[in-house]
Amino acid sequence: MFIGGFRLARYINAVCRLCRREKIKLFLKGERCLSTKCAVDRRNYSPGQHGQRRTKFSTYGIQLREKQKVKRVYGILEKQFRSYFHAADRKKGITGENLLQILERRLDNVVYRLGWATSRKLARQLVRHNHFTLNDSKVNIPSLLVKKDDIVSLKLKSLEIMPVRHFLKELKITNIPTWLSFDPNTLKGTVLDYPKREDITIPIQEQLIVELYSK
């Protein structure tokens, strides 16, 4: 069934439209987002017939757009995102920061943050196709939440697949956040700590999401 760009639980339209809708780079297409072909740089207005019209959002509209932006960054649909919010709300501390910490701890995000993939979507595919292990155990669940001292490793038989060969060629480890570490000799990533708010560089106003779900 096809409904509004989704087939079942999968968005199948051009993802560049999502970046243009939020008017910010969500890095959904990896290196293309850093090139001159980036749709946000070329057409920095909303997609559609009336995309260039100036729109004034209500308070609810602003909150909704912020939620949609975060969902799209991490590639999560509404049901799962709402469950993450409720889990964050039950934890001690600031709900918005708890939510972002949970999202950052997803295994597909960790694979992306370690540089194994150029986008979270590609990282999700690599995890689903059994290319990684967690603490030397087989894992293929992208939404699995890592814990402190967990070790993420690539299977040896996966060293020849194209995305990994590209990673090994570039081997850029300077952008890895401080809560993760990567050993270029063993090609293993370690979770040093839980992510903090300052580790998340994407411009997100998480308080807007809290206000939206608190109504």
N, C-alpha and C. Protein backbone atom coordinates (compact mmCIF):
# COMPACT_ATOMS: atom_id res chain seq x y z
N MET A 1 0.85 -1.19 0.00
CA MET A 1 0.00 0.00 0.00
C MET A 1 0.88 1.24 0.00
N PHE A 2 0.52 2.22 -0.81
CA PHE A 2 1.30 3.46 -0.92
C PHE A 2 0.47 4.61 -0.35
N ILE A 3 0.99 5.26 0.70
CA ILE A 3 0.28 6.37 1.33
C ILE A 3 1.26 7.50 1.60
N GLY A 4 1.07 8.63 0.92
CA GLY A 4 1.85 9.83 1.20
C GLY A 4 3.35 9.64 1.20
N GLY A 5 3.87 8.90 0.24
CA GLY A 5 5.32 8.71 0.17
C GLY A 5 5.82 7.51 0.94
N PHE A 6 4.93 6.78 1.60
CA PHE A 6 5.34 5.62 2.39
C PHE A 6 4.73 4.35 1.82
N ARG A 7 5.50 3.30 1.77
CA ARG A 7 4.98 1.97 1.47
C ARG A 7 5.20 1.14 2.72
N LEU A 8 4.08 0.77 3.37
CA LEU A 8 4.12 0.14 4.69
C LEU A 8 4.90 1.08 5.61
N ALA A 9 6.09 0.66 6.11
CA ALA A 9 6.82 1.51 7.06
C ALA A 9 8.09 2.08 6.43
N ARG A 10 8.07 2.24 5.10
CA ARG A 10 9.29 2.69 4.42
C ARG A 10 8.99 3.88 3.53
N TYR A 11 9.72 4.96 3.72
CA TYR A 11 9.58 6.15 2.87
C TYR A 11 10.28 5.88 1.55
N ILE A 12 9.58 6.08 0.43
CA ILE A 12 10.15 5.70 -0.86
C ILE A 12 10.30 6.89 -1.81
N ASN A 13 9.91 8.08 -1.40
CA ASN A 13 10.10 9.26 -2.25
C ASN A 13 11.53 9.78 -2.12
N ALA A 14 11.87 10.80 -2.90
CA ALA A 14 13.21 11.38 -2.86
C ALA A 14 13.48 11.99 -1.49
N VAL A 15 14.55 11.55 -0.83
CA VAL A 15 14.82 12.01 0.54
C VAL A 15 15.28 13.47 0.57
N CYS A 16 15.76 13.98 -0.57
CA CYS A 16 16.17 15.38 -0.60
C CYS A 16 14.98 16.31 -0.34
N ARG A 17 13.77 15.84 -0.65
CA ARG A 17 12.58 16.62 -0.36
C ARG A 17 12.41 16.83 1.14
N LEU A 18 12.84 15.84 1.92
CA LEU A 18 12.72 15.95 3.38
C LEU A 18 13.64 17.06 3.90
N CYS A 19 14.85 17.12 3.37
CA CYS A 19 15.77 18.19 3.78
C CYS A 19 15.23 19.55 3.39
N ARG A 20 14.69 19.63 2.20
CA ARG A 20 14.15 20.91 1.74
C ARG A 20 12.93 21.31 2.58
N ARG A 21 12.13 20.34 2.99
CA ARG A 21 10.97 20.65 3.83
C ARG A 21 11.41 21.25 5.15
N GLU A 22 12.49 20.73 5.73
CA GLU A 22 12.97 21.24 7.01
C GLU A 22 13.94 22.40 6.83
N LYS A 23 14.34 22.68 5.58
CA LYS A 23 15.25 23.78 5.25
C LYS A 23 16.58 23.67 6.00
N ILE A 24 17.05 22.43 6.09
CA ILE A 24 18.32 22.17 6.76
C ILE A 24 18.87 20.84 6.25
N LYS A 25 20.17 20.71 6.21
CA LYS A 25 20.77 19.46 5.78
C LYS A 25 20.59 18.39 6.86
N LEU A 26 19.91 17.31 6.50
CA LEU A 26 19.71 16.21 7.43
C LEU A 26 20.72 15.09 7.18
N PHE A 27 21.55 15.25 6.15
CA PHE A 27 22.60 14.29 5.79
C PHE A 27 22.02 12.90 5.57
N LEU A 28 20.95 12.85 4.77
CA LEU A 28 20.27 11.59 4.47
C LEU A 28 20.91 10.87 3.28
N LYS A 29 21.75 11.60 2.50
CA LYS A 29 22.37 10.98 1.34
C LYS A 29 23.89 11.01 1.43
N GLY A 30 24.41 11.09 2.64
CA GLY A 30 25.84 10.98 2.84
C GLY A 30 26.64 12.08 2.18
N GLU A 31 27.62 11.69 1.37
CA GLU A 31 28.56 12.64 0.79
C GLU A 31 27.90 13.61 -0.19
N ARG A 32 26.77 13.22 -0.78
CA ARG A 32 26.07 14.13 -1.69
C ARG A 32 25.67 15.41 -0.98
N CYS A 33 25.37 15.29 0.32
CA CYS A 33 24.96 16.45 1.10
C CYS A 33 26.09 17.47 1.25
N LEU A 34 27.32 17.03 1.08
CA LEU A 34 28.48 17.91 1.20
C LEU A 34 28.96 18.43 -0.14
N SER A 35 28.31 17.97 -1.21
CA SER A 35 28.74 18.37 -2.55
C SER A 35 27.88 19.52 -3.07
N THR A 36 28.21 19.98 -4.27
CA THR A 36 27.45 21.06 -4.90
C THR A 36 26.09 20.58 -5.41
N LYS A 37 25.84 19.29 -5.36
CA LYS A 37 24.56 18.73 -5.80
C LYS A 37 23.50 18.75 -4.71
N CYS A 38 23.87 19.18 -3.52
CA CYS A 38 22.93 19.18 -2.39
C CYS A 38 21.70 20.02 -2.73
N ALA A 39 20.53 19.42 -2.55
CA ALA A 39 19.27 20.09 -2.91
C ALA A 39 19.00 21.31 -2.04
N VAL A 40 19.44 21.29 -0.79
CA VAL A 40 19.21 22.43 0.11
C VAL A 40 20.00 23.64 -0.35
N ASP A 41 21.21 23.42 -0.82
CA ASP A 41 22.03 24.53 -1.32
C ASP A 41 21.49 25.07 -2.64
N ARG A 42 20.98 24.19 -3.47
CA ARG A 42 20.52 24.60 -4.79
C ARG A 42 19.11 25.20 -4.77
N ARG A 43 18.23 24.65 -3.92
CA ARG A 43 16.85 25.13 -3.84
C ARG A 43 16.43 25.19 -2.37
N ASN A 44 16.82 26.24 -1.71
CA ASN A 44 16.58 26.36 -0.28
C ASN A 44 15.17 26.87 0.01
N TYR A 45 14.20 26.11 -0.43
CA TYR A 45 12.79 26.39 -0.13
C TYR A 45 12.04 25.08 -0.15
N SER A 46 10.85 25.06 0.43
CA SER A 46 10.08 23.83 0.56
C SER A 46 9.70 23.27 -0.80
N PRO A 47 9.60 21.95 -0.93
CA PRO A 47 9.20 21.35 -2.20
C PRO A 47 7.71 21.58 -2.47
N GLY A 48 7.31 21.38 -3.70
CA GLY A 48 5.91 21.52 -4.04
C GLY A 48 5.59 22.80 -4.77
N GLN A 49 4.37 22.89 -5.26
CA GLN A 49 3.94 24.02 -6.08
C GLN A 49 4.03 25.36 -5.36
N HIS A 50 3.76 25.35 -4.06
CA HIS A 50 3.73 26.60 -3.29
C HIS A 50 4.93 26.71 -2.34
N GLY A 51 6.00 25.99 -2.67
CA GLY A 51 7.15 25.93 -1.77
C GLY A 51 7.83 27.26 -1.51
N GLN A 52 7.78 28.17 -2.46
CA GLN A 52 8.49 29.44 -2.30
C GLN A 52 7.66 30.51 -1.59
N ARG A 53 6.43 30.16 -1.24
CA ARG A 53 5.62 31.12 -0.49
C ARG A 53 6.11 31.22 0.95
N ARG A 54 6.02 32.40 1.51
CA ARG A 54 6.41 32.61 2.90
C ARG A 54 5.30 32.09 3.80
N THR A 55 5.66 31.18 4.70
CA THR A 55 4.67 30.55 5.58
C THR A 55 4.93 30.92 7.02
N LYS A 56 3.88 31.30 7.72
CA LYS A 56 3.99 31.61 9.13
C LYS A 56 3.35 30.47 9.93
N PHE A 57 4.19 29.81 10.74
CA PHE A 57 3.72 28.65 11.50
C PHE A 57 3.15 29.08 12.85
N SER A 58 2.14 28.34 13.30
CA SER A 58 1.64 28.51 14.66
C SER A 58 2.62 27.86 15.63
N THR A 59 2.39 28.02 16.92
CA THR A 59 3.25 27.38 17.92
C THR A 59 3.24 25.87 17.74
N TYR A 60 2.05 25.33 17.50
CA TYR A 60 1.94 23.88 17.26
C TYR A 60 2.71 23.49 16.01
N GLY A 61 2.62 24.30 14.95
CA GLY A 61 3.33 24.00 13.71
C GLY A 61 4.83 23.98 13.89
N ILE A 62 5.35 24.90 14.68
CA ILE A 62 6.79 24.95 14.96
C ILE A 62 7.23 23.70 15.73
N GLN A 63 6.42 23.32 16.72
CA GLN A 63 6.74 22.12 17.51
C GLN A 63 6.69 20.87 16.63
N LEU A 64 5.68 20.80 15.77
CA LEU A 64 5.54 19.64 14.89
C LEU A 64 6.71 19.52 13.92
N ARG A 65 7.13 20.65 13.36
CA ARG A 65 8.26 20.62 12.42
C ARG A 65 9.53 20.15 13.10
N GLU A 66 9.72 20.54 14.36
CA GLU A 66 10.92 20.11 15.09
C GLU A 66 10.90 18.61 15.31
N LYS A 67 9.73 18.10 15.66
CA LYS A 67 9.61 16.65 15.84
C LYS A 67 9.87 15.91 14.54
N GLN A 68 9.29 16.41 13.45
CA GLN A 68 9.48 15.76 12.15
C GLN A 68 10.95 15.78 11.74
N LYS A 69 11.62 16.88 12.02
CA LYS A 69 13.03 16.99 11.67
C LYS A 69 13.86 15.92 12.38
N VAL A 70 13.63 15.76 13.68
CA VAL A 70 14.41 14.78 14.45
C VAL A 70 14.10 13.36 13.99
N LYS A 71 12.82 13.08 13.73
CA LYS A 71 12.44 11.76 13.23
C LYS A 71 13.15 11.44 11.92
N ARG A 72 13.25 12.44 11.06
CA ARG A 72 13.87 12.23 9.76
C ARG A 72 15.38 12.10 9.85
N VAL A 73 15.98 12.83 10.77
CA VAL A 73 17.43 12.70 10.97
C VAL A 73 17.79 11.27 11.34
N TYR A 74 17.05 10.69 12.27
CA TYR A 74 17.38 9.35 12.76
C TYR A 74 16.63 8.24 12.04
N GLY A 75 15.76 8.59 11.08
CA GLY A 75 15.07 7.58 10.28
C GLY A 75 14.08 6.75 11.08
N ILE A 76 13.26 7.42 11.90
CA ILE A 76 12.33 6.73 12.78
C ILE A 76 10.90 7.16 12.48
N LEU A 77 9.98 6.22 12.54
CA LEU A 77 8.57 6.53 12.33
C LEU A 77 7.90 6.88 13.66
N GLU A 78 6.68 7.35 13.57
CA GLU A 78 6.00 7.96 14.72
C GLU A 78 5.86 7.02 15.93
N LYS A 79 5.43 5.79 15.71
CA LYS A 79 5.16 4.88 16.83
C LYS A 79 6.41 4.65 17.67
N GLN A 80 7.52 4.39 17.01
CA GLN A 80 8.76 4.14 17.72
C GLN A 80 9.28 5.41 18.38
N PHE A 81 9.14 6.53 17.68
CA PHE A 81 9.60 7.80 18.25
C PHE A 81 8.83 8.13 19.52
N ARG A 82 7.52 7.89 19.50
CA ARG A 82 6.70 8.16 20.68
C ARG A 82 7.11 7.26 21.85
N SER A 83 7.43 6.02 21.56
CA SER A 83 7.87 5.11 22.63
C SER A 83 9.20 5.56 23.22
N TYR A 84 10.08 6.10 22.38
CA TYR A 84 11.34 6.64 22.88
C TYR A 84 11.07 7.83 23.80
N PHE A 85 10.12 8.67 23.41
CA PHE A 85 9.80 9.84 24.23
C PHE A 85 9.28 9.41 25.60
N HIS A 86 8.39 8.44 25.62
CA HIS A 86 7.84 7.98 26.90
C HIS A 86 8.94 7.37 27.78
N ALA A 87 9.88 6.65 27.16
CA ALA A 87 11.00 6.09 27.91
C ALA A 87 11.87 7.20 28.48
N ALA A 88 12.09 8.25 27.68
CA ALA A 88 12.89 9.40 28.14
C ALA A 88 12.20 10.13 29.27
N ASP A 89 10.88 10.22 29.20
CA ASP A 89 10.10 10.93 30.21
C ASP A 89 10.13 10.20 31.54
N ARG A 90 10.26 8.88 31.50
CA ARG A 90 10.29 8.08 32.74
C ARG A 90 11.65 8.12 33.42
N LYS A 91 12.70 8.46 32.67
CA LYS A 91 14.04 8.49 33.23
C LYS A 91 14.26 9.76 34.05
N LYS A 92 15.20 9.70 34.97
CA LYS A 92 15.59 10.89 35.72
C LYS A 92 16.33 11.85 34.81
N GLY A 93 16.22 13.12 35.10
CA GLY A 93 16.92 14.10 34.29
C GLY A 93 15.98 14.88 33.40
N ILE A 94 16.55 15.56 32.41
CA ILE A 94 15.79 16.40 31.49
C ILE A 94 15.26 15.54 30.35
N THR A 95 13.95 15.54 30.16
CA THR A 95 13.32 14.65 29.19
C THR A 95 13.88 14.81 27.79
N GLY A 96 14.03 16.06 27.33
CA GLY A 96 14.53 16.29 25.98
C GLY A 96 15.93 15.74 25.77
N GLU A 97 16.79 15.94 26.75
CA GLU A 97 18.16 15.43 26.64
C GLU A 97 18.17 13.91 26.74
N ASN A 98 17.30 13.35 27.57
CA ASN A 98 17.18 11.89 27.65
C ASN A 98 16.77 11.31 26.30
N LEU A 99 15.84 11.99 25.62
CA LEU A 99 15.37 11.52 24.31
C LEU A 99 16.51 11.50 23.30
N LEU A 100 17.29 12.57 23.24
CA LEU A 100 18.39 12.63 22.30
C LEU A 100 19.45 11.58 22.62
N GLN A 101 19.66 11.33 23.90
CA GLN A 101 20.64 10.31 24.29
C GLN A 101 20.20 8.93 23.80
N ILE A 102 18.90 8.62 23.94
CA ILE A 102 18.38 7.34 23.48
C ILE A 102 18.57 7.20 21.97
N LEU A 103 18.26 8.26 21.23
CA LEU A 103 18.40 8.22 19.77
C LEU A 103 19.86 8.02 19.36
N GLU A 104 20.76 8.68 20.06
CA GLU A 104 22.19 8.55 19.74
C GLU A 104 22.72 7.15 20.04
N ARG A 105 22.10 6.48 21.00
CA ARG A 105 22.58 5.15 21.40
C ARG A 105 22.11 4.03 20.48
N ARG A 106 21.27 4.34 19.52
CA ARG A 106 20.85 3.32 18.55
C ARG A 106 22.08 2.77 17.82
N LEU A 107 22.08 1.48 17.58
CA LEU A 107 23.24 0.84 16.95
C LEU A 107 23.52 1.41 15.56
N ASP A 108 22.46 1.66 14.77
CA ASP A 108 22.71 2.20 13.44
C ASP A 108 23.35 3.59 13.51
N ASN A 109 22.96 4.38 14.51
CA ASN A 109 23.57 5.69 14.68
C ASN A 109 25.02 5.57 15.11
N VAL A 110 25.32 4.60 15.97
CA VAL A 110 26.70 4.39 16.42
C VAL A 110 27.59 3.99 15.24
N VAL A 111 27.08 3.11 14.39
CA VAL A 111 27.83 2.72 13.19
C VAL A 111 28.10 3.93 12.31
N TYR A 112 27.10 4.78 12.17
CA TYR A 112 27.26 6.01 11.38
C TYR A 112 28.24 6.97 12.04
N ARG A 113 28.13 7.14 13.34
CA ARG A 113 29.00 8.08 14.06
C ARG A 113 30.45 7.61 14.08
N LEU A 114 30.66 6.30 14.00
CA LEU A 114 32.02 5.77 13.95
C LEU A 114 32.63 5.91 12.56
N GLY A 115 31.81 6.30 11.59
CA GLY A 115 32.31 6.52 10.24
C GLY A 115 32.22 5.34 9.32
N TRP A 116 31.59 4.25 9.76
CA TRP A 116 31.48 3.07 8.92
C TRP A 116 30.55 3.31 7.72
N ALA A 117 29.66 4.27 7.83
CA ALA A 117 28.71 4.55 6.76
C ALA A 117 28.59 6.06 6.58
N THR A 118 28.25 6.49 5.37
CA THR A 118 28.15 7.91 5.07
C THR A 118 26.77 8.48 5.41
N SER A 119 25.83 7.62 5.80
CA SER A 119 24.51 8.07 6.22
C SER A 119 23.93 7.06 7.20
N ARG A 120 22.96 7.49 7.97
CA ARG A 120 22.32 6.57 8.91
C ARG A 120 21.53 5.50 8.17
N LYS A 121 20.99 5.85 7.02
CA LYS A 121 20.25 4.86 6.23
C LYS A 121 21.16 3.73 5.79
N LEU A 122 22.36 4.07 5.30
CA LEU A 122 23.31 3.04 4.90
C LEU A 122 23.76 2.23 6.11
N ALA A 123 23.98 2.90 7.24
CA ALA A 123 24.37 2.20 8.47
C ALA A 123 23.29 1.19 8.87
N ARG A 124 22.03 1.59 8.75
CA ARG A 124 20.92 0.71 9.09
C ARG A 124 20.92 -0.54 8.19
N GLN A 125 21.20 -0.35 6.90
CA GLN A 125 21.25 -1.47 5.98
C GLN A 125 22.40 -2.42 6.31
N LEU A 126 23.56 -1.85 6.65
CA LEU A 126 24.71 -2.69 7.00
C LEU A 126 24.44 -3.53 8.23
N VAL A 127 23.78 -2.93 9.22
CA VAL A 127 23.46 -3.68 10.44
C VAL A 127 22.45 -4.78 10.13
N ARG A 128 21.42 -4.46 9.36
CA ARG A 128 20.40 -5.45 9.03
C ARG A 128 20.95 -6.63 8.24
N HIS A 129 22.00 -6.39 7.46
CA HIS A 129 22.58 -7.46 6.65
C HIS A 129 23.72 -8.18 7.36
N ASN A 130 23.74 -8.07 8.68
CA ASN A 130 24.63 -8.89 9.52
C ASN A 130 26.12 -8.63 9.27
N HIS A 131 26.49 -7.37 9.05
CA HIS A 131 27.89 -7.06 8.83
C HIS A 131 28.64 -6.71 10.11
N PHE A 132 27.91 -6.57 11.23
CA PHE A 132 28.55 -6.16 12.48
C PHE A 132 28.27 -7.13 13.61
N THR A 133 29.15 -7.06 14.60
CA THR A 133 28.93 -7.80 15.85
C THR A 133 28.96 -6.80 17.01
N LEU A 134 28.28 -7.15 18.07
CA LEU A 134 28.28 -6.33 19.29
C LEU A 134 28.79 -7.21 20.41
N ASN A 135 29.95 -6.84 20.95
CA ASN A 135 30.60 -7.65 21.98
C ASN A 135 30.80 -9.08 21.49
N ASP A 136 31.23 -9.20 20.22
CA ASP A 136 31.53 -10.49 19.56
C ASP A 136 30.30 -11.36 19.36
N SER A 137 29.12 -10.80 19.49
CA SER A 137 27.89 -11.56 19.26
C SER A 137 27.19 -11.02 18.01
N LYS A 138 26.55 -11.90 17.27
CA LYS A 138 25.83 -11.51 16.07
C LYS A 138 24.70 -10.55 16.42
N VAL A 139 24.55 -9.51 15.61
CA VAL A 139 23.48 -8.54 15.85
C VAL A 139 23.01 -7.97 14.50
N ASN A 140 21.70 -7.86 14.33
CA ASN A 140 21.16 -7.29 13.09
C ASN A 140 19.93 -6.43 13.37
N ILE A 141 19.92 -5.82 14.55
CA ILE A 141 18.80 -4.96 14.96
C ILE A 141 19.30 -3.52 15.04
N PRO A 142 18.97 -2.68 14.07
CA PRO A 142 19.46 -1.30 14.06
C PRO A 142 19.04 -0.48 15.26
N SER A 143 17.87 -0.79 15.85
CA SER A 143 17.35 0.00 16.96
C SER A 143 17.90 -0.42 18.32
N LEU A 144 18.74 -1.44 18.35
CA LEU A 144 19.32 -1.88 19.62
C LEU A 144 20.11 -0.73 20.25
N LEU A 145 19.93 -0.52 21.56
CA LEU A 145 20.62 0.56 22.25
C LEU A 145 21.91 0.06 22.87
N VAL A 146 23.02 0.69 22.52
CA VAL A 146 24.31 0.28 23.07
C VAL A 146 24.46 0.79 24.49
N LYS A 147 25.36 0.16 25.23
CA LYS A 147 25.64 0.54 26.61
C LYS A 147 27.12 0.87 26.74
N LYS A 148 27.47 1.47 27.86
CA LYS A 148 28.87 1.81 28.13
C LYS A 148 29.72 0.55 28.09
N ASP A 149 30.89 0.65 27.48
CA ASP A 149 31.88 -0.42 27.32
C ASP A 149 31.52 -1.44 26.24
N ASP A 150 30.42 -1.24 25.53
CA ASP A 150 30.10 -2.13 24.40
C ASP A 150 31.13 -1.92 23.30
N ILE A 151 31.39 -3.00 22.55
CA ILE A 151 32.35 -2.95 21.44
C ILE A 151 31.65 -3.35 20.16
N VAL A 152 31.70 -2.47 19.18
CA VAL A 152 31.09 -2.72 17.87
C VAL A 152 32.20 -3.07 16.89
N SER A 153 32.08 -4.22 16.24
CA SER A 153 33.12 -4.69 15.32
C SER A 153 32.51 -5.08 13.99
N LEU A 154 33.31 -4.93 12.95
CA LEU A 154 32.90 -5.36 11.62
C LEU A 154 33.36 -6.80 11.41
N LYS A 155 32.51 -7.63 10.81
CA LYS A 155 32.89 -8.99 10.51
C LYS A 155 33.98 -9.00 9.43
N LEU A 156 34.92 -9.91 9.55
CA LEU A 156 36.04 -9.97 8.61
C LEU A 156 35.55 -10.21 7.18
N LYS A 157 34.52 -11.00 7.02
CA LYS A 157 34.03 -11.31 5.66
C LYS A 157 33.38 -10.10 5.00
N SER A 158 33.14 -9.04 5.80
CA SER A 158 32.49 -7.84 5.27
C SER A 158 33.48 -6.77 4.83
N LEU A 159 34.76 -7.05 4.95
CA LEU A 159 35.78 -6.05 4.63
C LEU A 159 35.81 -5.70 3.15
N GLU A 160 35.27 -6.56 2.30
CA GLU A 160 35.36 -6.33 0.87
C GLU A 160 34.12 -5.65 0.27
N ILE A 161 33.09 -5.41 1.07
CA ILE A 161 31.92 -4.75 0.51
C ILE A 161 32.24 -3.29 0.25
N MET A 162 31.60 -2.71 -0.76
CA MET A 162 31.98 -1.39 -1.25
C MET A 162 31.97 -0.29 -0.19
N PRO A 163 30.91 -0.13 0.63
CA PRO A 163 30.93 0.95 1.63
C PRO A 163 32.09 0.83 2.60
N VAL A 164 32.43 -0.40 2.98
CA VAL A 164 33.53 -0.60 3.93
C VAL A 164 34.87 -0.32 3.26
N ARG A 165 35.01 -0.73 2.02
CA ARG A 165 36.25 -0.45 1.30
C ARG A 165 36.46 1.06 1.16
N HIS A 166 35.37 1.77 0.94
CA HIS A 166 35.45 3.24 0.86
C HIS A 166 35.87 3.81 2.21
N PHE A 167 35.31 3.26 3.29
CA PHE A 167 35.66 3.73 4.63
C PHE A 167 37.14 3.48 4.92
N LEU A 168 37.62 2.30 4.60
CA LEU A 168 39.02 1.97 4.86
C LEU A 168 39.96 2.84 4.05
N LYS A 169 39.51 3.24 2.86
CA LYS A 169 40.32 4.10 2.02
C LYS A 169 40.42 5.51 2.60
N GLU A 170 39.30 6.01 3.09
CA GLU A 170 39.28 7.37 3.65
C GLU A 170 39.80 7.39 5.08
N LEU A 171 39.27 6.47 5.91
CA LEU A 171 39.64 6.31 7.31
C LEU A 171 39.69 7.66 8.05
N LYS A 172 38.55 8.34 8.05
CA LYS A 172 38.43 9.62 8.73
C LYS A 172 37.93 9.39 10.15
N ILE A 173 38.78 9.60 11.14
CA ILE A 173 38.39 9.33 12.52
C ILE A 173 38.41 10.60 13.37
N THR A 174 38.51 11.75 12.71
CA THR A 174 38.59 13.00 13.47
C THR A 174 37.23 13.51 13.91
N ASN A 175 36.17 13.06 13.25
CA ASN A 175 34.84 13.56 13.58
C ASN A 175 34.08 12.65 14.54
N ILE A 176 34.72 11.66 15.09
CA ILE A 176 34.06 10.75 16.01
C ILE A 176 33.81 11.47 17.33
N PRO A 177 32.57 11.41 17.85
CA PRO A 177 32.26 12.12 19.11
C PRO A 177 33.04 11.55 20.29
N THR A 178 33.16 12.34 21.34
CA THR A 178 34.01 11.99 22.47
C THR A 178 33.49 10.78 23.26
N TRP A 179 32.21 10.45 23.11
CA TRP A 179 31.68 9.31 23.87
C TRP A 179 31.94 7.97 23.18
N LEU A 180 32.57 8.05 22.00
CA LEU A 180 32.96 6.85 21.26
C LEU A 180 34.45 6.89 20.98
N SER A 181 35.04 5.74 20.77
CA SER A 181 36.43 5.68 20.32
C SER A 181 36.55 4.64 19.22
N PHE A 182 37.54 4.84 18.34
CA PHE A 182 37.75 3.91 17.24
C PHE A 182 39.22 3.57 17.15
N ASP A 183 39.53 2.28 17.11
CA ASP A 183 40.90 1.81 17.00
C ASP A 183 41.18 1.44 15.55
N PRO A 184 41.99 2.23 14.83
CA PRO A 184 42.25 1.94 13.41
C PRO A 184 43.04 0.65 13.19
N ASN A 185 43.67 0.16 14.23
CA ASN A 185 44.45 -1.08 14.09
C ASN A 185 43.55 -2.31 14.14
N THR A 186 42.62 -2.33 15.07
CA THR A 186 41.71 -3.47 15.20
C THR A 186 40.38 -3.24 14.49
N LEU A 187 40.15 -1.98 14.05
CA LEU A 187 38.89 -1.60 13.39
C LEU A 187 37.69 -1.90 14.27
N LYS A 188 37.83 -1.54 15.55
CA LYS A 188 36.74 -1.74 16.50
C LYS A 188 36.37 -0.41 17.15
N GLY A 189 35.07 -0.23 17.36
CA GLY A 189 34.59 0.95 18.04
C GLY A 189 34.13 0.61 19.45
N THR A 190 34.41 1.49 20.39
CA THR A 190 34.06 1.26 21.78
C THR A 190 33.20 2.40 22.30
N VAL A 191 32.17 2.05 23.06
CA VAL A 191 31.31 3.04 23.70
C VAL A 191 31.95 3.42 25.02
N LEU A 192 32.55 4.60 25.08
CA LEU A 192 33.26 5.03 26.28
C LEU A 192 32.32 5.52 27.37
N ASP A 193 31.21 6.11 26.95
CA ASP A 193 30.28 6.71 27.91
C ASP A 193 28.96 6.93 27.19
N TYR A 194 27.95 7.37 27.93
CA TYR A 194 26.69 7.73 27.29
C TYR A 194 26.82 9.14 26.71
N PRO A 195 26.19 9.39 25.57
CA PRO A 195 26.33 10.72 24.93
C PRO A 195 25.74 11.83 25.78
N LYS A 196 26.37 12.97 25.75
CA LYS A 196 25.89 14.17 26.45
C LYS A 196 25.29 15.14 25.44
N ARG A 197 24.57 16.13 25.93
CA ARG A 197 23.89 17.06 25.03
C ARG A 197 24.87 17.78 24.12
N GLU A 198 26.04 18.14 24.62
CA GLU A 198 27.00 18.88 23.80
C GLU A 198 27.63 18.00 22.70
N ASP A 199 27.44 16.69 22.78
CA ASP A 199 27.97 15.80 21.75
C ASP A 199 27.10 15.78 20.50
N ILE A 200 25.90 16.32 20.59
CA ILE A 200 24.95 16.30 19.47
C ILE A 200 25.01 17.65 18.78
N THR A 201 25.60 17.66 17.60
CA THR A 201 25.86 18.92 16.90
C THR A 201 24.73 19.34 15.96
N ILE A 202 23.78 18.46 15.72
CA ILE A 202 22.65 18.82 14.86
C ILE A 202 21.82 19.89 15.56
N PRO A 203 21.44 20.97 14.87
CA PRO A 203 20.62 22.01 15.51
C PRO A 203 19.22 21.52 15.84
N ILE A 204 19.04 21.09 17.07
CA ILE A 204 17.76 20.54 17.53
C ILE A 204 17.30 21.30 18.77
N GLN A 205 16.04 21.69 18.79
CA GLN A 205 15.42 22.31 19.96
C GLN A 205 14.49 21.27 20.59
N GLU A 206 15.08 20.40 21.38
CA GLU A 206 14.33 19.27 21.92
C GLU A 206 13.19 19.69 22.83
N GLN A 207 13.28 20.89 23.43
CA GLN A 207 12.21 21.34 24.31
C GLN A 207 10.89 21.51 23.55
N LEU A 208 10.98 21.84 22.27
CA LEU A 208 9.77 21.97 21.46
C LEU A 208 9.05 20.63 21.33
N ILE A 209 9.82 19.56 21.25
CA ILE A 209 9.24 18.22 21.15
C ILE A 209 8.57 17.84 22.47
N VAL A 210 9.23 18.18 23.57
CA VAL A 210 8.65 17.90 24.89
C VAL A 210 7.33 18.64 25.06
N GLU A 211 7.30 19.91 24.64
CA GLU A 211 6.07 20.70 24.73
C GLU A 211 4.96 20.10 23.87
N LEU A 212 5.33 19.59 22.69
CA LEU A 212 4.34 19.01 21.79
C LEU A 212 3.68 17.77 22.39
N TYR A 213 4.50 16.88 22.96
CA TYR A 213 3.96 15.64 23.51
C TYR A 213 3.32 15.85 24.89
N SER A 214 3.57 16.99 25.50
CA SER A 214 3.03 17.23 26.84
C SER A 214 1.63 17.85 26.80
N LYS A 215 1.11 18.11 25.62
CA LYS A 215 -0.20 18.75 25.52
C LYS A 215 -1.31 17.76 25.86
